PDB file of N, CA and C in Angstrom:
ATOM      1  N   MET A   1      96.434 115.085  64.927  1.00  0.00           N
ATOM      2  CA  MET A   1      95.830 113.746  65.550  1.00  0.00           C
ATOM      3  C   MET A   1      97.010 112.561  65.666  1.00  0.00           C
ATOM      4  N   ALA A   2      97.985 112.757  64.461  1.00  0.00           N
ATOM      5  CA  ALA A   2      98.890 111.731  64.690  1.00  0.00           C
ATOM      6  C   ALA A   2      99.934 111.795  65.823  1.00  0.00           C
ATOM      7  N   THR A   3      99.777 112.861  66.661  1.00  0.00           N
ATOM      8  CA  THR A   3     100.670 113.017  67.756  1.00  0.00           C
ATOM      9  C   THR A   3     100.144 112.189  68.977  1.00  0.00           C
ATOM     10  N   LEU A   4      98.739 111.621  68.950  1.00  0.00           N
ATOM     11  CA  LEU A   4      98.268 110.820  69.969  1.00  0.00           C
ATOM     12  C   LEU A   4      99.009 109.369  70.283  1.00  0.00           C
ATOM     13  N   ASN A   5      99.697 109.124  69.249  1.00  0.00           N
ATOM     14  CA  ASN A   5     100.330 107.885  69.628  1.00  0.00           C
ATOM     15  C   ASN A   5     101.865 107.954  69.910  1.00  0.00           C
ATOM     16  N   ARG A   6     102.087 109.302  70.140  1.00  0.00           N
ATOM     17  CA  ARG A   6     103.545 109.495  70.888  1.00  0.00           C
ATOM     18  C   ARG A   6     103.411 110.179  72.080  1.00  0.00           C
ATOM     19  N   LEU A   7     104.198 110.034  73.210  1.00  0.00           N
ATOM     20  CA  LEU A   7     104.435 110.485  74.355  1.00  0.00           C
ATOM     21  C   LEU A   7     105.363 111.459  74.282  1.00  0.00           C
ATOM     22  N   ALA A   8     105.618 112.271  75.416  1.00  0.00           N
ATOM     23  CA  ALA A   8     106.509 113.519  75.437  1.00  0.00           C
ATOM     24  C   ALA A   8     107.935 112.796  75.276  1.00  0.00           C
ATOM     25  N   ALA A   9     108.771 113.699  74.984  1.00  0.00           N
ATOM     26  CA  ALA A   9     110.241 113.067  74.941  1.00  0.00           C
ATOM     27  C   ALA A   9     110.623 112.300  73.940  1.00  0.00           C
ATOM     28  N   GLY A  10     109.609 112.045  72.970  1.00  0.00           N
ATOM     29  CA  GLY A  10     110.163 111.004  71.852  1.00  0.00           C
ATOM     30  C   GLY A  10     109.900 109.590  72.193  1.00  0.00           C
ATOM     31  N   VAL A  11     109.088 109.339  73.392  1.00  0.00           N
ATOM     32  CA  VAL A  11     108.800 107.906  73.853  1.00  0.00           C
ATOM     33  C   VAL A  11     107.424 107.557  73.290  1.00  0.00           C
ATOM     34  N   ALA A  12     107.758 106.266  72.392  1.00  0.00           N
ATOM     35  CA  ALA A  12     106.469 105.494  71.810  1.00  0.00           C
ATOM     36  C   ALA A  12     105.716 104.583  72.780  1.00  0.00           C
ATOM     37  N   TRP A  13     104.380 104.559  72.394  1.00  0.00           N
ATOM     38  CA  TRP A  13     103.608 103.649  73.018  1.00  0.00           C
ATOM     39  C   TRP A  13     104.290 102.289  73.020  1.00  0.00           C
ATOM     40  N   GLU A  14     104.735 101.909  71.881  1.00  0.00           N
ATOM     41  CA  GLU A  14     105.209 100.486  71.789  1.00  0.00           C
ATOM     42  C   GLU A  14     106.089 100.050  72.834  1.00  0.00           C
ATOM     43  N   LYS A  15     106.805 100.892  73.318  1.00  0.00           N
ATOM     44  CA  LYS A  15     108.035 100.420  74.308  1.00  0.00           C
ATOM     45  C   LYS A  15     107.850 101.210  75.553  1.00  0.00           C
ATOM     46  N   PRO A  16     108.213 100.692  76.808  1.00  0.00           N
ATOM     47  CA  PRO A  16     108.190 101.575  78.005  1.00  0.00           C
ATOM     48  C   PRO A  16     109.023 102.533  77.943  1.00  0.00           C
ATOM     49  N   ALA A  17     108.614 103.757  78.575  1.00  0.00           N
ATOM     50  CA  ALA A  17     109.573 104.857  78.768  1.00  0.00           C
ATOM     51  C   ALA A  17     110.883 104.513  79.509  1.00  0.00           C
ATOM     52  N   ASP A  18     111.879 105.118  79.264  1.00  0.00           N
ATOM     53  CA  ASP A  18     113.269 104.759  79.901  1.00  0.00           C
ATOM     54  C   ASP A  18     113.197 105.914  81.195  1.00  0.00           C
ATOM     55  N   LEU A  19     112.915 105.301  82.178  1.00  0.00           N
ATOM     56  CA  LEU A  19     112.764 106.398  83.565  1.00  0.00           C
ATOM     57  C   LEU A  19     114.186 106.530  83.893  1.00  0.00           C
ATOM     58  N   SER A  20     115.378 105.885  83.507  1.00  0.00           N
ATOM     59  CA  SER A  20     116.389 106.004  84.141  1.00  0.00           C
ATOM     60  C   SER A  20     117.151 107.366  83.273  1.00  0.00           C
ATOM     61  N   ASN A  21     116.615 107.794  82.114  1.00  0.00           N
ATOM     62  CA  ASN A  21     116.610 108.921  81.480  1.00  0.00           C
ATOM     63  C   ASN A  21     116.385 109.982  82.149  1.00  0.00           C
ATOM     64  N   LYS A  22     117.200 111.007  82.584  1.00  0.00           N
ATOM     65  CA  LYS A  22     116.643 112.136  83.563  1.00  0.00           C
ATOM     66  C   LYS A  22     115.897 112.842  82.683  1.00  0.00           C
ATOM     67  N   ASP A  23     116.062 113.298  81.338  1.00  0.00           N
ATOM     68  CA  ASP A  23     115.451 114.154  80.421  1.00  0.00           C
ATOM     69  C   ASP A  23     113.836 113.567  80.174  1.00  0.00           C
ATOM     70  N   VAL A  24     113.799 112.160  80.043  1.00  0.00           N
ATOM     71  CA  VAL A  24     112.384 111.529  80.007  1.00  0.00           C
ATOM     72  C   VAL A  24     111.700 111.700  81.155  1.00  0.00           C
ATOM     73  N   LEU A  25     112.309 111.293  82.218  1.00  0.00           N
ATOM     74  CA  LEU A  25     111.617 111.666  83.523  1.00  0.00           C
ATOM     75  C   LEU A  25     111.408 113.045  83.975  1.00  0.00           C
ATOM     76  N   ARG A  26     112.107 114.011  83.616  1.00  0.00           N
ATOM     77  CA  ARG A  26     111.666 115.271  83.746  1.00  0.00           C
ATOM     78  C   ARG A  26     110.563 115.762  83.001  1.00  0.00           C
ATOM     79  N   GLU A  27     110.184 115.187  81.921  1.00  0.00           N
ATOM     80  CA  GLU A  27     109.362 115.520  80.798  1.00  0.00           C
ATOM     81  C   GLU A  27     108.023 114.844  81.182  1.00  0.00           C
ATOM     82  N   LEU A  28     108.038 113.494  81.674  1.00  0.00           N
ATOM     83  CA  LEU A  28     106.746 112.575  82.100  1.00  0.00           C
ATOM     84  C   LEU A  28     106.425 112.891  83.585  1.00  0.00           C
ATOM     85  N   THR A  29     107.273 113.418  84.559  1.00  0.00           N
ATOM     86  CA  THR A  29     106.580 113.421  85.845  1.00  0.00           C
ATOM     87  C   THR A  29     105.529 114.380  86.148  1.00  0.00           C
ATOM     88  N   PRO A  30     105.533 115.651  85.453  1.00  0.00           N
ATOM     89  CA  PRO A  30     104.357 116.656  85.882  1.00  0.00           C
ATOM     90  C   PRO A  30     102.934 115.976  85.401  1.00  0.00           C
ATOM     91  N   SER A  31     102.989 115.243  84.113  1.00  0.00           N
ATOM     92  CA  SER A  31     101.835 114.563  83.535  1.00  0.00           C
ATOM     93  C   SER A  31     101.619 113.243  84.651  1.00  0.00           C
ATOM     94  N   ALA A  32     102.606 112.572  84.851  1.00  0.00           N
ATOM     95  CA  ALA A  32     102.332 111.370  85.631  1.00  0.00           C
ATOM     96  C   ALA A  32     101.513 111.735  87.114  1.00  0.00           C
ATOM     97  N   LEU A  33     102.118 112.850  87.736  1.00  0.00           N
ATOM     98  CA  LEU A  33     101.874 113.149  88.970  1.00  0.00           C
ATOM     99  C   LEU A  33     100.327 113.545  88.751  1.00  0.00           C
ATOM    100  N   ARG A  34      99.783 114.362  87.820  1.00  0.00           N
ATOM    101  CA  ARG A  34      98.546 115.114  87.716  1.00  0.00           C
ATOM    102  C   ARG A  34      97.580 113.904  87.414  1.00  0.00           C
ATOM    103  N   ALA A  35      97.923 112.927  86.604  1.00  0.00           N
ATOM    104  CA  ALA A  35      97.043 111.773  86.272  1.00  0.00           C
ATOM    105  C   ALA A  35      96.968 110.919  87.677  1.00  0.00           C
ATOM    106  N   PHE A  36      97.784 110.745  88.502  1.00  0.00           N
ATOM    107  CA  PHE A  36      97.930 109.863  89.600  1.00  0.00           C
ATOM    108  C   PHE A  36      96.873 110.633  90.506  1.00  0.00           C
ATOM    109  N   LEU A  37      96.874 112.157  90.720  1.00  0.00           N
ATOM    110  CA  LEU A  37      96.149 112.807  91.421  1.00  0.00           C
ATOM    111  C   LEU A  37      94.645 112.765  91.182  1.00  0.00           C
ATOM    112  N   LYS A  38      94.553 112.724  90.026  1.00  0.00           N
ATOM    113  CA  LYS A  38      93.188 112.841  89.363  1.00  0.00           C
ATOM    114  C   LYS A  38      92.539 111.269  89.907  1.00  0.00           C
ATOM    115  N   ILE A  39      93.305 110.322  89.438  1.00  0.00           N
ATOM    116  CA  ILE A  39      92.734 108.880  89.597  1.00  0.00           C
ATOM    117  C   ILE A  39      92.632 108.728  91.076  1.00  0.00           C
ATOM    118  N   ARG A  40      93.402 109.202  92.207  1.00  0.00           N
ATOM    119  CA  ARG A  40      93.259 108.999  93.592  1.00  0.00           C
ATOM    120  C   ARG A  40      91.967 109.802  93.848  1.00  0.00           C
ATOM    121  N   GLU A  41      91.671 111.020  93.244  1.00  0.00           N
ATOM    122  CA  GLU A  41      90.315 111.691  93.720  1.00  0.00           C
ATOM    123  C   GLU A  41      89.135 110.798  93.224  1.00  0.00           C
ATOM    124  N   LEU A  42      89.194 110.500  92.021  1.00  0.00           N
ATOM    125  CA  LEU A  42      88.248 109.689  91.631  1.00  0.00           C
ATOM    126  C   LEU A  42      87.929 108.493  92.496  1.00  0.00           C
ATOM    127  N   TRP A  43      89.145 107.667  92.448  1.00  0.00           N
ATOM    128  CA  TRP A  43      89.075 106.318  93.292  1.00  0.00           C
ATOM    129  C   TRP A  43      88.507 106.567  94.681  1.00  0.00           C
ATOM    130  N   GLU A  44      89.077 107.648  95.368  1.00  0.00           N
ATOM    131  CA  GLU A  44      88.586 107.702  96.739  1.00  0.00           C
ATOM    132  C   GLU A  44      87.165 108.117  96.848  1.00  0.00           C
ATOM    133  N   LYS A  45      86.366 108.643  95.868  1.00  0.00           N
ATOM    134  CA  LYS A  45      85.061 108.821  95.939  1.00  0.00           C
ATOM    135  C   LYS A  45      84.283 107.744  95.525  1.00  0.00           C
ATOM    136  N   LEU A  46      84.751 106.772  94.594  1.00  0.00           N
ATOM    137  CA  LEU A  46      84.203 105.335  94.286  1.00  0.00           C
ATOM    138  C   LEU A  46      84.437 104.433  95.555  1.00  0.00           C
ATOM    139  N   ALA A  47      85.471 104.476  96.186  1.00  0.00           N
ATOM    140  CA  ALA A  47      85.820 103.624  97.217  1.00  0.00           C
ATOM    141  C   ALA A  47      84.667 103.941  98.273  1.00  0.00           C
ATOM    142  N   ASP A  48      84.379 105.230  98.581  1.00  0.00           N
ATOM    143  CA  ASP A  48      83.416 105.478  99.697  1.00  0.00           C
ATOM    144  C   ASP A  48      82.029 105.121  99.191  1.00  0.00           C
ATOM    145  N   ARG A  49      81.570 105.064  98.041  1.00  0.00           N
ATOM    146  CA  ARG A  49      80.375 104.973  97.676  1.00  0.00           C
ATOM    147  C   ARG A  49      80.106 103.558  97.102  1.00  0.00           C
ATOM    148  N   TRP A  50      81.114 102.647  96.581  1.00  0.00           N
ATOM    149  CA  TRP A  50      80.881 101.198  96.050  1.00  0.00           C
ATOM    150  C   TRP A  50      79.904 100.512  96.873  1.00  0.00           C
ATOM    151  N   ILE A  51      80.017 100.658  98.066  1.00  0.00           N
ATOM    152  CA  ILE A  51      79.211  99.842  99.160  1.00  0.00           C
ATOM    153  C   ILE A  51      77.737  99.985  98.951  1.00  0.00           C
ATOM    154  N   GLN A  52      77.478 101.193  98.334  1.00  0.00           N
ATOM    155  CA  GLN A  52      75.977 101.529  98.299  1.00  0.00           C
ATOM    156  C   GLN A  52      75.593 101.690  96.749  1.00  0.00           C
ATOM    157  N   LEU A  53      76.299 101.184  95.887  1.00  0.00           N
ATOM    158  CA  LEU A  53      75.812 100.928  94.472  1.00  0.00           C
ATOM    159  C   LEU A  53      75.474  99.581  94.176  1.00  0.00           C
ATOM    160  N   PRO A  54      74.391  99.446  93.387  1.00  0.00           N
ATOM    161  CA  PRO A  54      74.030  98.076  93.120  1.00  0.00           C
ATOM    162  C   PRO A  54      75.292  97.547  92.425  1.00  0.00           C
ATOM    163  N   ASN A  55      75.630  96.232  92.579  1.00  0.00           N
ATOM    164  CA  ASN A  55      76.515  95.466  92.105  1.00  0.00           C
ATOM    165  C   ASN A  55      76.199  94.317  91.304  1.00  0.00           C
ATOM    166  N   ASP A  56      76.666  93.907  89.978  1.00  0.00           N
ATOM    167  CA  ASP A  56      76.330  92.727  89.326  1.00  0.00           C
ATOM    168  C   ASP A  56      76.991  91.546  89.655  1.00  0.00           C
ATOM    169  N   ASN A  57      77.873  91.346  90.519  1.00  0.00           N
ATOM    170  CA  ASN A  57      78.411  90.323  91.112  1.00  0.00           C
ATOM    171  C   ASN A  57      77.501  89.483  91.551  1.00  0.00           C
ATOM    172  N   PRO A  58      77.295  88.016  91.076  1.00  0.00           N
ATOM    173  CA  PRO A  58      76.145  87.201  91.384  1.00  0.00           C
ATOM    174  C   PRO A  58      76.013  87.146  92.865  1.00  0.00           C
ATOM    175  N   MET A  59      77.043  87.339  93.688  1.00  0.00           N
ATOM    176  CA  MET A  59      77.026  87.172  95.298  1.00  0.00           C
ATOM    177  C   MET A  59      76.039  88.195  95.827  1.00  0.00           C
ATOM    178  N   PHE A  60      75.878  89.348  95.177  1.00  0.00           N
ATOM    179  CA  PHE A  60      75.055  90.312  95.755  1.00  0.00           C
ATOM    180  C   PHE A  60      73.525  90.352  94.978  1.00  0.00           C
ATOM    181  N   GLU A  61      73.676  89.387  93.830  1.00  0.00           N
ATOM    182  CA  GLU A  61      72.089  89.342  93.282  1.00  0.00           C
ATOM    183  C   GLU A  61      71.527  90.577  92.645  1.00  0.00           C
ATOM    184  N   GLY A  62      72.365  91.681  92.334  1.00  0.00           N
ATOM    185  CA  GLY A  62      71.986  92.897  91.780  1.00  0.00           C
ATOM    186  C   GLY A  62      71.865  93.895  92.916  1.00  0.00           C
ATOM    187  N   GLY A  63      71.789  93.640  94.053  1.00  0.00           N
ATOM    188  CA  GLY A  63      71.658  94.534  95.400  1.00  0.00           C
ATOM    189  C   GLY A  63      72.991  95.138  95.547  1.00  0.00           C
ATOM    190  N   THR A  64      73.171  95.844  96.649  1.00  0.00           N
ATOM    191  CA  THR A  64      74.313  96.687  97.095  1.00  0.00           C
ATOM    192  C   THR A  64      74.951  95.765  98.085  1.00  0.00           C
ATOM    193  N   PRO A  65      76.316  95.893  98.143  1.00  0.00           N
ATOM    194  CA  PRO A  65      77.303  95.313  99.063  1.00  0.00           C
ATOM    195  C   PRO A  65      76.759  95.403 100.358  1.00  0.00           C
ATOM    196  N   LEU A  66      76.206  96.529 100.890  1.00  0.00           N
ATOM    197  CA  LEU A  66      75.632  97.057 102.161  1.00  0.00           C
ATOM    198  C   LEU A  66      74.702  96.388 102.458  1.00  0.00           C
ATOM    199  N   SER A  67      73.476  96.133 101.757  1.00  0.00           N
ATOM    200  CA  SER A  67      72.298  95.410 101.898  1.00  0.00           C
ATOM    201  C   SER A  67      72.674  93.820 102.084  1.00  0.00           C
ATOM    202  N   TYR A  68      73.650  93.402 101.473  1.00  0.00           N
ATOM    203  CA  TYR A  68      74.071  91.980 101.337  1.00  0.00           C
ATOM    204  C   TYR A  68      74.666  91.626 102.791  1.00  0.00           C
ATOM    205  N   MET A  69      75.427  92.577 103.269  1.00  0.00           N
ATOM    206  CA  MET A  69      76.240  92.532 104.623  1.00  0.00           C
ATOM    207  C   MET A  69      75.001  92.668 105.767  1.00  0.00           C
ATOM    208  N   LEU A  70      74.207  93.676 105.522  1.00  0.00           N
ATOM    209  CA  LEU A  70      73.043  93.648 106.486  1.00  0.00           C
ATOM    210  C   LEU A  70      72.371  92.493 106.886  1.00  0.00           C
ATOM    211  N   ARG A  71      71.957  91.764 105.477  1.00  0.00           N
ATOM    212  CA  ARG A  71      71.184  90.487 105.506  1.00  0.00           C
ATOM    213  C   ARG A  71      72.036  89.505 106.024  1.00  0.00           C
ATOM    214  N   GLY A  72      73.405  89.482 105.560  1.00  0.00           N
ATOM    215  CA  GLY A  72      74.226  88.257 106.153  1.00  0.00           C
ATOM    216  C   GLY A  72      74.885  88.274 107.345  1.00  0.00           C
ATOM    217  N   GLY A  73      74.748  89.463 107.908  1.00  0.00           N
ATOM    218  CA  GLY A  73      75.438  89.617 109.343  1.00  0.00           C
ATOM    219  C   GLY A  73      77.148  89.390 109.161  1.00  0.00           C
ATOM    220  N   LEU A  74      77.589  88.837 110.138  1.00  0.00           N
ATOM    221  CA  LEU A  74      79.114  88.803 110.211  1.00  0.00           C
ATOM    222  C   LEU A  74      79.568  87.870 109.016  1.00  0.00           C
ATOM    223  N   PRO A  75      78.969  86.918 108.849  1.00  0.00           N
ATOM    224  CA  PRO A  75      79.392  85.850 107.639  1.00  0.00           C
ATOM    225  C   PRO A  75      79.417  86.719 106.289  1.00  0.00           C
ATOM    226  N   GLY A  76      78.223  87.532 106.096  1.00  0.00           N
ATOM    227  CA  GLY A  76      78.271  88.243 104.842  1.00  0.00           C
ATOM    228  C   GLY A  76      79.402  89.285 105.018  1.00  0.00           C
ATOM    229  N   MET A  77      79.705  89.943 106.171  1.00  0.00           N
ATOM    230  CA  MET A  77      80.788  90.862 106.111  1.00  0.00           C
ATOM    231  C   MET A  77      81.810  90.217 105.775  1.00  0.00           C
ATOM    232  N   LEU A  78      82.271  89.079 106.267  1.00  0.00           N
ATOM    233  CA  LEU A  78      83.497  88.183 105.921  1.00  0.00           C
ATOM    234  C   LEU A  78      83.741  87.961 104.670  1.00  0.00           C
ATOM    235  N   ARG A  79      82.463  87.617 103.842  1.00  0.00           N
ATOM    236  CA  ARG A  79      82.593  87.373 102.372  1.00  0.00           C
ATOM    237  C   ARG A  79      83.023  88.341 101.583  1.00  0.00           C
ATOM    238  N   VAL A  80      82.337  89.564 101.933  1.00  0.00           N
ATOM    239  CA  VAL A  80      82.555  90.615 101.142  1.00  0.00           C
ATOM    240  C   VAL A  80      84.180  91.228 101.482  1.00  0.00           C
ATOM    241  N   ARG A  81      84.561  91.146 102.799  1.00  0.00           N
ATOM    242  CA  ARG A  81      85.977  91.184 102.984  1.00  0.00           C
ATOM    243  C   ARG A  81      86.839  90.523 101.938  1.00  0.00           C
ATOM    244  N   GLN A  82      86.532  88.949 101.898  1.00  0.00           N
ATOM    245  CA  GLN A  82      87.305  88.155 101.010  1.00  0.00           C
ATOM    246  C   GLN A  82      87.209  88.559  99.714  1.00  0.00           C
ATOM    247  N   LEU A  83      86.176  89.372  99.132  1.00  0.00           N
ATOM    248  CA  LEU A  83      85.873  89.472  97.588  1.00  0.00           C
ATOM    249  C   LEU A  83      86.907  90.659  97.553  1.00  0.00           C
ATOM    250  N   VAL A  84      86.872  91.612  98.463  1.00  0.00           N
ATOM    251  CA  VAL A  84      87.692  92.855  98.237  1.00  0.00           C
ATOM    252  C   VAL A  84      89.117  92.530  98.363  1.00  0.00           C
ATOM    253  N   ASP A  85      89.365  91.753  99.236  1.00  0.00           N
ATOM    254  CA  ASP A  85      90.912  91.055  99.445  1.00  0.00           C
ATOM    255  C   ASP A  85      91.332  90.396  98.081  1.00  0.00           C
ATOM    256  N   SER A  86      90.434  89.475  97.545  1.00  0.00           N
ATOM    257  CA  SER A  86      90.953  88.888  96.216  1.00  0.00           C
ATOM    258  C   SER A  86      91.089  89.924  95.088  1.00  0.00           C
ATOM    259  N   ARG A  87      90.170  90.785  94.813  1.00  0.00           N
ATOM    260  CA  ARG A  87      90.152  91.761  94.009  1.00  0.00           C
ATOM    261  C   ARG A  87      91.586  92.616  94.271  1.00  0.00           C
ATOM    262  N   ARG A  88      92.132  92.992  95.375  1.00  0.00           N
ATOM    263  CA  ARG A  88      93.328  93.667  95.377  1.00  0.00           C
ATOM    264  C   ARG A  88      94.428  92.877  95.626  1.00  0.00           C
ATOM    265  N   GLY A  89      94.447  91.700  95.244  1.00  0.00           N
ATOM    266  CA  GLY A  89      95.580  90.886  95.131  1.00  0.00           C
ATOM    267  C   GLY A  89      95.735  90.063  96.306  1.00  0.00           C
ATOM    268  N   GLY A  90      94.887  89.921  97.375  1.00  0.00           N
ATOM    269  CA  GLY A  90      95.045  89.047  98.452  1.00  0.00           C
ATOM    270  C   GLY A  90      95.850  89.695  99.519  1.00  0.00           C
ATOM    271  N   ARG A  91      96.127  90.803  99.545  1.00  0.00           N
ATOM    272  CA  ARG A  91      97.053  91.528 100.613  1.00  0.00           C
ATOM    273  C   ARG A  91      96.442  92.346 101.545  1.00  0.00           C
TER     274      ARG A  91
END
């Protein structure tokens, strides 16, 4: 269990990995790639479903974003778009 606080190639959690070091990069790349692909897989499923899931944002009053947009029409769609844009940094 003591090894949980250490990363491969002798990199500690307390400081960032030196990705300019080719040995560190070679050691971390396969794990990082697997993690990225898994996150992408789970994120795309959630991204497709979130609109149909109950949402605790006060704007939705416990309902789904989809029902909010259906009730609110175009102005509702624009508000949801603004919310999504703000959550991803406004870009």
